[in-house]
Amino acid sequence: MPRTITWAGALLALQVFAAGAVAAYLVRLGAERLLLWRGRGRSSARVFSRVAQWTILFIAFSAALTLVFPSVKPVDILGGVTIVSIAAGIAFQTVLGNMFAGLVLLGRDRFRVDDQIAVGDIRGQVTSIGLSSTVVRTFDGRLVVVPNTVLHSEIVTVQTGYEQVRTSVEVGLDETTDLEQARVVAVRAMEALPSVLPEPAPQALLTKVGAATVTLELRFWSGSLQLETLEARNAVISTVLQAFADAGVKTGSDAIVIEPGPLLRAELAEREPQPGDDAA
């Protein structure tokens, strides 16, 4: 004989669901603190702790439902959830794809909020990471919402992934100048800059030989933030060029200027149109 719905069963179901809700809340707090203690990012800890909370809430709701409706079995609930999940998956493929990509990104925890990243033509600072999308504030102040599937499938450069980054600047030197002196002057100038890190030490290396110049590559390390690299690059260029001018080191370019001789000038003069040519 099938069991009927009773007030006692409904009250018991309410108590079970309330206990499950409290347990889910405590699990969320504990999981978030545990993940943060293990060094995970705040966004990753928040999302996965809420996943744990919703899982416990679902279990508590299923248990309460079976108490209110005794004829409903847990296997029936799971079967219904499976059917709904398949239908939702077909209808919302893009949304679910972004959500699963978000779970993968948060699980890997390769970049976090406040990191500076570059993906495709987008370069900026991460302001939030959600299940379906990531919000980036570009360096020129624009807000860009990037689907997580893009971040999962494209190459992402995390500029602030390490504390230090190396930058290179090329300077063309006149081939007649003292190249070793130029290297020494450039290194000393870079070492005196506060925006250039002392370790690893800056370097000045001869890398290419042109038609009339020799290329000197200036390598230096700075902080990984974009502003830090730009400020260091600006300081290196202005300081090294000033040091070259003070030390008499000649810079140059591969552009060659040819001065016409007397024969070429006479030939050009003969080919110039005369004032009466048009009238004729």
Protein backbone atom coordinates (compact mmCIF):
# COMPACT_ATOMS: atom_id res chain seq x y z
CA MET A 1 0.00 0.00 0.00
CA PRO A 2 1.55 3.33 -1.00
CA ARG A 3 2.44 5.68 1.80
CA THR A 4 0.64 9.02 1.96
CA ILE A 5 1.97 12.49 2.66
CA THR A 6 1.82 13.36 6.36
CA TRP A 7 2.48 16.50 8.36
CA ALA A 8 5.06 14.62 10.38
CA GLY A 9 6.90 13.69 7.23
CA ALA A 10 6.76 17.26 5.93
CA LEU A 11 8.09 18.59 9.25
CA LEU A 12 10.89 16.04 9.22
CA ALA A 13 11.73 16.96 5.62
CA LEU A 14 11.89 20.63 6.59
CA GLN A 15 14.25 19.82 9.45
CA VAL A 16 16.46 17.70 7.17
CA PHE A 17 16.66 20.47 4.56
CA ALA A 18 17.39 23.12 7.21
CA ALA A 19 20.16 20.95 8.67
CA GLY A 20 21.53 20.40 5.16
CA ALA A 21 21.46 24.14 4.46
CA VAL A 22 23.40 24.86 7.65
CA ALA A 23 25.88 22.09 6.87
CA ALA A 24 26.28 23.42 3.31
CA TYR A 25 27.00 26.92 4.61
CA LEU A 26 29.59 25.63 7.09
CA VAL A 27 31.19 23.48 4.39
CA ARG A 28 31.42 26.50 2.08
CA LEU A 29 33.17 28.59 4.74
CA GLY A 30 35.51 25.76 5.69
CA ALA A 31 36.34 24.86 2.09
CA GLU A 32 37.02 28.49 1.17
CA ARG A 33 39.37 28.99 4.11
CA LEU A 34 41.10 25.67 3.41
CA LEU A 35 41.68 26.52 -0.24
CA LEU A 36 42.99 29.99 0.64
CA TRP A 37 45.29 28.42 3.24
CA ARG A 38 46.57 26.02 0.56
CA GLY A 39 47.53 29.02 -1.60
CA ARG A 40 44.67 29.01 -4.09
CA GLY A 41 43.40 32.25 -5.61
CA ARG A 42 40.41 33.97 -4.03
CA SER A 43 38.20 33.46 -7.09
CA SER A 44 39.10 29.77 -7.26
CA ALA A 45 38.41 29.29 -3.55
CA ARG A 46 35.09 31.11 -3.78
CA VAL A 47 33.78 29.17 -6.79
CA PHE A 48 34.78 25.69 -5.62
CA SER A 49 33.50 26.28 -2.09
CA ARG A 50 30.13 27.29 -3.56
CA VAL A 51 30.11 24.20 -5.75
CA ALA A 52 30.53 22.14 -2.59
CA GLN A 53 27.73 24.12 -0.94
CA TRP A 54 25.29 23.54 -3.80
CA THR A 55 26.16 19.85 -3.90
CA ILE A 56 25.22 19.42 -0.23
CA LEU A 57 22.08 21.51 -0.75
CA PHE A 58 21.05 19.24 -3.61
CA ILE A 59 21.58 16.14 -1.47
CA ALA A 60 19.58 17.69 1.38
CA PHE A 61 16.78 18.70 -1.01
CA SER A 62 16.64 15.20 -2.48
CA ALA A 63 16.43 13.66 1.00
CA ALA A 64 13.70 16.11 2.04
CA LEU A 65 11.76 15.39 -1.16
CA THR A 66 11.75 11.65 -0.49
CA LEU A 67 10.46 12.31 3.03
CA VAL A 68 7.61 14.52 1.80
CA PHE A 69 6.73 12.20 -1.09
CA PRO A 70 7.47 8.66 0.09
CA SER A 71 6.72 7.21 -3.34
CA VAL A 72 9.59 9.17 -4.86
CA LYS A 73 12.87 7.26 -4.68
CA PRO A 74 16.37 8.80 -4.88
CA VAL A 75 17.03 6.91 -8.10
CA ASP A 76 13.99 8.60 -9.64
CA ILE A 77 15.36 12.02 -8.66
CA LEU A 78 18.73 11.19 -10.18
CA GLY A 79 17.04 10.00 -13.35
CA GLY A 80 15.03 13.20 -13.62
CA VAL A 81 18.13 15.32 -13.01
CA THR A 82 19.97 13.38 -15.71
CA ILE A 83 17.23 14.00 -18.26
CA VAL A 84 17.05 17.70 -17.39
CA SER A 85 20.86 17.95 -17.58
CA ILE A 86 20.92 16.40 -21.06
CA ALA A 87 18.20 18.75 -22.28
CA ALA A 88 19.94 21.76 -20.74
CA GLY A 89 23.23 20.67 -22.25
CA ILE A 90 21.72 20.59 -25.73
CA ALA A 91 19.95 23.92 -25.29
CA PHE A 92 22.78 25.78 -23.59
CA GLN A 93 25.93 24.32 -25.11
CA THR A 94 27.78 27.64 -25.17
CA VAL A 95 26.88 28.53 -21.59
CA LEU A 96 27.82 25.13 -20.23
CA GLY A 97 31.00 25.13 -22.31
CA ASN A 98 32.02 28.44 -20.72
CA MET A 99 31.16 27.09 -17.25
CA PHE A 100 33.24 23.94 -17.66
CA ALA A 101 36.08 26.03 -19.09
CA GLY A 102 35.78 28.31 -16.06
CA LEU A 103 36.05 25.32 -13.72
CA VAL A 104 39.20 24.20 -15.54
CA LEU A 105 40.74 27.69 -15.41
CA LEU A 106 39.94 28.10 -11.71
CA GLY A 107 41.20 24.60 -11.00
CA ARG A 108 44.53 25.27 -12.72
CA ASP A 109 44.79 28.69 -11.03
CA ARG A 110 47.37 29.94 -13.55
CA PHE A 111 46.29 33.56 -13.22
CA ARG A 112 44.27 35.40 -10.63
CA VAL A 113 42.46 38.67 -10.04
CA ASP A 114 44.85 41.68 -10.41
CA ASP A 115 47.16 39.73 -12.74
CA GLN A 116 48.01 41.38 -16.06
CA ILE A 117 47.37 39.11 -19.04
CA ALA A 118 47.36 39.21 -22.82
CA VAL A 119 45.10 37.01 -24.98
CA GLY A 120 44.80 37.82 -28.67
CA ASP A 121 44.44 41.60 -29.02
CA ILE A 122 43.27 42.02 -25.41
CA ARG A 123 45.82 43.25 -22.87
CA GLY A 124 44.94 44.39 -19.41
CA GLN A 125 44.37 43.57 -15.74
CA VAL A 126 42.01 40.83 -14.56
CA THR A 127 39.29 42.31 -12.34
CA SER A 128 37.13 39.21 -11.77
CA ILE A 129 37.01 35.53 -12.74
CA GLY A 130 33.61 33.85 -12.89
CA LEU A 131 32.31 30.49 -14.03
CA SER A 132 31.25 31.69 -17.48
CA SER A 133 33.49 34.70 -18.19
CA THR A 134 36.48 36.71 -17.04
CA VAL A 135 36.46 40.51 -16.84
CA VAL A 136 39.59 42.36 -18.00
CA ARG A 137 40.25 46.08 -17.67
CA THR A 138 42.48 47.01 -20.60
CA PHE A 139 45.46 49.30 -20.15
CA ASP A 140 43.58 52.10 -21.90
CA GLY A 141 40.69 51.85 -19.41
CA ARG A 142 38.15 49.72 -21.30
CA LEU A 143 36.18 46.87 -19.74
CA VAL A 144 36.27 43.64 -21.75
CA VAL A 145 34.28 40.50 -20.89
CA VAL A 146 36.15 37.45 -22.19
CA PRO A 147 34.31 34.08 -22.41
CA ASN A 148 36.17 31.40 -20.51
CA THR A 149 36.24 29.15 -23.57
CA VAL A 150 38.47 31.76 -25.24
CA LEU A 151 40.88 31.78 -22.31
CA HIS A 152 40.86 27.99 -22.26
CA SER A 153 41.54 27.52 -25.99
CA GLU A 154 43.78 30.52 -26.78
CA ILE A 155 47.36 31.21 -25.69
CA VAL A 156 47.30 33.43 -22.60
CA THR A 157 50.40 35.39 -21.61
CA VAL A 158 50.47 36.22 -17.90
CA GLN A 159 52.77 39.22 -17.68
CA THR A 160 52.72 39.20 -13.88
CA GLY A 161 53.19 35.43 -13.64
CA TYR A 162 56.67 36.10 -12.27
CA GLU A 163 57.94 39.05 -10.28
CA GLN A 164 60.63 40.03 -12.82
CA VAL A 165 60.69 40.29 -16.62
CA ARG A 166 63.46 41.07 -19.08
CA THR A 167 63.25 43.82 -21.69
CA SER A 168 65.54 44.46 -24.67
CA VAL A 169 66.35 47.69 -26.50
CA GLU A 170 68.49 47.88 -29.65
CA VAL A 171 70.81 50.80 -30.38
CA GLY A 172 72.71 51.31 -33.64
CA LEU A 173 76.37 52.31 -33.19
CA ASP A 174 78.61 53.85 -35.78
CA GLU A 175 81.06 51.20 -37.01
CA THR A 176 84.02 53.52 -36.40
CA THR A 177 83.29 53.99 -32.68
CA ASP A 178 84.97 52.09 -29.85
CA LEU A 179 82.53 49.21 -29.42
CA GLU A 180 83.95 47.91 -26.14
CA GLN A 181 83.79 51.38 -24.64
CA ALA A 182 80.16 51.65 -25.76
CA ARG A 183 79.32 48.37 -24.00
CA VAL A 184 80.96 49.52 -20.76
CA VAL A 185 79.25 52.92 -20.87
CA ALA A 186 75.83 51.35 -21.52
CA VAL A 187 76.12 48.82 -18.67
CA ARG A 188 77.26 51.45 -16.17
CA ALA A 189 74.39 53.74 -17.19
CA MET A 190 71.81 50.96 -16.73
CA GLU A 191 73.26 49.89 -13.38
CA ALA A 192 72.74 53.40 -12.02
CA LEU A 193 68.98 53.37 -12.74
CA PRO A 194 66.63 52.53 -9.83
CA SER A 195 64.03 51.06 -12.21
CA VAL A 196 66.55 48.47 -13.48
CA LEU A 197 67.01 45.51 -11.14
CA PRO A 198 70.59 44.74 -10.08
CA GLU A 199 69.98 40.98 -10.28
CA PRO A 200 70.11 39.62 -12.91
CA ALA A 201 72.63 42.24 -13.95
CA PRO A 202 71.97 44.33 -17.09
CA GLN A 203 73.87 43.41 -20.24
CA ALA A 204 75.01 45.15 -23.42
CA LEU A 205 75.70 42.70 -26.25
CA LEU A 206 76.72 43.25 -29.87
CA THR A 207 74.17 41.30 -31.89
CA LYS A 208 74.16 42.42 -35.57
CA VAL A 209 76.37 44.08 -38.15
CA GLY A 210 74.71 46.37 -40.68
CA ALA A 211 75.94 48.24 -43.73
CA ALA A 212 77.36 51.09 -41.68
CA THR A 213 76.38 50.26 -38.08
CA VAL A 214 76.74 47.64 -35.39
CA THR A 215 73.65 46.83 -33.30
CA LEU A 216 74.06 46.92 -29.52
CA GLU A 217 71.30 45.12 -27.63
CA LEU A 218 70.60 46.41 -24.12
CA ARG A 219 69.09 43.74 -21.86
CA PHE A 220 67.76 44.59 -18.43
CA TRP A 221 65.31 43.24 -15.85
CA SER A 222 62.52 45.17 -14.15
CA GLY A 223 59.27 44.61 -12.30
CA SER A 224 56.67 42.64 -14.24
CA LEU A 225 53.91 45.27 -14.25
CA GLN A 226 53.48 46.92 -17.65
CA LEU A 227 54.03 50.39 -16.19
CA GLU A 228 57.27 49.21 -14.56
CA THR A 229 58.60 47.82 -17.84
CA LEU A 230 57.65 50.98 -19.76
CA GLU A 231 59.25 53.26 -17.18
CA ALA A 232 62.41 51.13 -17.16
CA ARG A 233 62.59 51.15 -20.97
CA ASN A 234 62.15 54.93 -21.07
CA ALA A 235 64.85 55.45 -18.44
CA VAL A 236 67.30 53.11 -20.18
CA ILE A 237 66.90 54.76 -23.60
CA SER A 238 67.27 58.34 -22.36
CA THR A 239 70.08 57.59 -19.90
CA VAL A 240 72.17 55.42 -22.23
CA LEU A 241 71.92 57.88 -25.13
CA GLN A 242 72.96 60.72 -22.83
CA ALA A 243 75.86 58.63 -21.54
CA PHE A 244 76.93 57.92 -25.13
CA ALA A 245 76.87 61.63 -25.92
CA ASP A 246 78.94 62.46 -22.83
CA ALA A 247 81.48 59.71 -23.60
CA GLY A 248 81.75 60.54 -27.29
CA VAL A 249 80.24 57.24 -28.44
CA LYS A 250 78.80 57.71 -31.92
CA THR A 251 75.40 56.29 -32.79
CA GLY A 252 74.36 55.88 -36.40
CA SER A 253 72.01 54.28 -38.90
CA ASP A 254 72.30 52.16 -42.03
CA ALA A 255 71.03 55.01 -44.20
CA ILE A 256 73.82 56.06 -46.57
CA VAL A 257 73.91 59.62 -47.92
CA ILE A 258 75.60 59.99 -51.34
CA GLU A 259 76.87 63.44 -52.29
CA PRO A 260 76.75 64.05 -56.07
CA GLY A 261 80.09 64.83 -57.71
CA PRO A 262 80.80 67.43 -60.46
CA LEU A 263 80.00 65.05 -63.33
CA LEU A 264 76.65 64.00 -61.84
CA ARG A 265 75.71 67.61 -61.13
CA ALA A 266 76.51 68.59 -64.74
CA GLU A 267 74.45 65.67 -66.04
CA LEU A 268 71.49 66.65 -63.86
CA ALA A 269 71.76 70.27 -64.96
CA GLU A 270 71.64 69.25 -68.64
CA ARG A 271 68.49 67.16 -68.01
CA GLU A 272 66.61 69.97 -66.26
CA PRO A 273 63.84 71.49 -68.45
CA GLN A 274 64.52 75.01 -69.72
CA PRO A 275 61.92 77.83 -69.33
CA GLY A 276 61.20 77.97 -73.09
CA ASP A 277 60.72 74.23 -73.53
CA ASP A 278 57.01 74.28 -72.62
CA ALA A 279 56.27 77.12 -75.03
CA ALA A 280 57.96 75.22 -77.85
